[in-house]
Protein backbone atom coordinates (compact mmCIF):
# COMPACT_ATOMS: atom_id res chain seq x y z
CA ALA A 1 -9.73 13.22 -26.93
CA VAL A 2 -10.10 9.47 -26.83
CA VAL A 3 -8.01 7.63 -24.26
CA SER A 4 -6.80 4.16 -25.14
CA THR A 5 -7.51 1.60 -22.45
CA GLN A 6 -4.91 -0.78 -23.91
CA SER A 7 -1.85 1.36 -23.23
CA THR A 8 -0.53 2.18 -19.77
CA GLY A 9 1.13 5.36 -21.04
CA PRO A 10 -2.07 7.42 -21.22
CA GLN A 11 -3.24 5.89 -17.92
CA LYS A 12 -0.04 6.99 -16.18
CA LEU A 13 -0.40 10.46 -17.69
CA LEU A 14 -4.02 10.68 -16.51
CA VAL A 15 -2.97 9.62 -13.00
CA LYS A 16 -0.24 12.27 -13.00
CA ILE A 17 -2.70 14.96 -14.11
CA ALA A 18 -5.38 13.80 -11.66
CA SER A 19 -2.82 13.98 -8.83
CA TYR A 20 -2.93 17.79 -9.15
CA LEU A 21 -6.71 18.01 -8.91
CA THR A 22 -8.78 18.68 -5.81
CA LEU A 23 -10.75 15.77 -4.37
CA GLU A 24 -13.95 17.28 -5.75
CA ASP A 25 -12.40 17.44 -9.23
CA VAL A 26 -11.17 13.83 -9.01
CA ILE A 27 -14.71 12.74 -8.17
CA ALA A 28 -16.11 14.82 -11.06
CA MET A 29 -13.46 13.38 -13.40
CA ALA A 30 -14.50 9.85 -12.45
CA HIS A 31 -17.99 10.59 -13.79
CA CYS A 32 -16.77 11.71 -17.25
CA SER A 33 -15.87 8.38 -18.86
CA LYS A 34 -14.91 4.78 -18.15
CA ALA A 35 -11.24 5.55 -18.80
CA PHE A 36 -11.32 8.48 -16.37
CA ARG A 37 -13.15 6.34 -13.81
CA ARG A 38 -10.46 3.65 -14.03
CA CYS A 39 -7.84 6.35 -13.58
CA CYS A 40 -9.63 7.80 -10.57
CA LEU A 41 -9.79 4.39 -8.89
CA THR A 42 -6.10 3.49 -9.31
CA ASP A 43 -4.01 2.90 -6.23
CA SER A 44 -1.20 5.04 -7.60
CA LEU A 45 -3.49 8.10 -7.76
CA TRP A 46 -4.76 7.59 -4.22
CA ARG A 47 -1.22 7.00 -2.93
CA ASN A 48 -0.24 10.38 -4.46
CA ILE A 49 -3.30 12.05 -2.92
CA PHE A 50 -2.55 10.46 0.45
CA LEU A 51 1.04 11.79 0.28
CA GLN A 52 -0.22 15.30 -0.49
CA HIS A 53 -2.30 15.27 2.68
CA HIS A 54 -0.08 13.32 5.05
CA LYS A 55 3.50 13.87 3.77
CA MET A 56 4.79 10.53 5.09
CA ILE A 57 4.06 6.85 4.56
CA SER A 58 5.30 4.27 7.06
CA PRO A 59 6.05 0.64 6.11
CA GLU A 60 3.03 -0.42 8.16
CA LEU A 61 0.83 1.94 6.17
CA GLU A 62 2.25 0.58 2.89
CA GLN A 63 1.33 -2.93 4.07
CA LEU A 64 -2.20 -1.83 5.03
CA ALA A 65 -2.66 -0.21 1.63
CA ALA A 66 -1.46 -3.38 -0.08
CA GLU A 67 -4.08 -5.34 1.85
CA HIS A 68 -6.92 -2.85 1.32
CA SER A 69 -6.34 0.07 -1.06
CA TRP A 70 -4.91 3.57 -0.88
CA ARG A 71 -8.37 5.01 -1.55
CA LYS A 72 -9.81 3.16 1.43
CA ILE A 73 -6.83 4.19 3.59
CA PHE A 74 -7.26 7.83 2.54
CA PHE A 75 -10.91 7.91 3.57
CA THR A 76 -10.39 6.04 6.85
CA ASP A 77 -10.68 8.43 9.78
CA LYS A 78 -7.42 9.22 11.58
CA LEU A 79 -8.26 7.44 14.83
CA ARG A 80 -9.18 4.20 13.05
CA LEU A 81 -6.12 4.52 10.84
CA GLN A 82 -3.86 4.89 13.90
CA MET A 83 -5.44 1.76 15.37
CA LEU A 84 -4.89 -0.17 12.11
CA VAL A 85 -1.27 0.99 11.82
CA SER A 86 -0.63 0.00 15.43
CA ARG A 87 -2.12 -3.43 14.80
CA GLN A 88 -0.04 -3.77 11.62
CA ARG A 89 3.13 -2.84 13.57
CA SER A 90 2.35 -5.53 16.13
CA GLN A 91 1.78 -8.13 13.43
CA MET A 92 5.01 -7.19 11.66
CA SER A 93 6.90 -7.35 14.96
CA ILE A 94 5.44 -10.77 15.77
CA LYS A 95 6.36 -12.01 12.30
CA ARG A 96 9.95 -10.74 12.69
CA ASN A 97 10.19 -12.41 16.11
CA ASN A 98 8.80 -15.68 14.73
CA ASP A 99 11.21 -15.56 11.79
CA SER A 100 14.06 -14.92 14.22
CA GLU A 101 13.00 -17.85 16.42
CA ILE A 102 12.77 -20.16 13.41
CA GLU A 103 16.24 -19.07 12.32
CA LYS A 104 17.66 -19.67 15.84
CA THR A 105 16.02 -23.10 16.00
CA SER A 106 17.43 -23.98 12.60
CA ILE A 107 20.93 -22.88 13.63
CA ASN A 108 20.71 -24.83 16.91
CA SER A 109 19.52 -27.95 15.05
CA THR A 110 22.38 -27.65 12.57
CA GLN A 111 24.92 -27.17 15.36
CA ALA A 112 23.51 -30.17 17.24
CA ALA A 113 23.71 -32.30 14.10
CA ILE A 114 27.31 -31.25 13.50
CA THR A 115 28.27 -31.97 17.13
CA ALA A 116 26.60 -35.39 17.06
CA GLU A 117 28.53 -36.57 13.99
CA PRO A 118 31.30 -39.10 14.78
């Protein structure tokens, strides 16, 4: 069967089918054709595979995968992955705190401007 590379329908179907394969079979599938290789390298496939092995995905892990790839995250050893998730949590916390501080500063500036008006 020939798989069209123009349509996302067959690609999604291939990803769904590949999600049920063992890792060894996914690797073998990637060597069959260019279309299968593209399928086997998609983030959606590796996200599904990750979920099968880990059962849960935290927001920090989603962010890491967006920055790297689900395939890379899947093959990262657990200790390194815990370190990366912890670092991502810290960065997200710092960003939330900074956003909160900016919002407070903006509110204080607005209140000061309102109070200063004659």
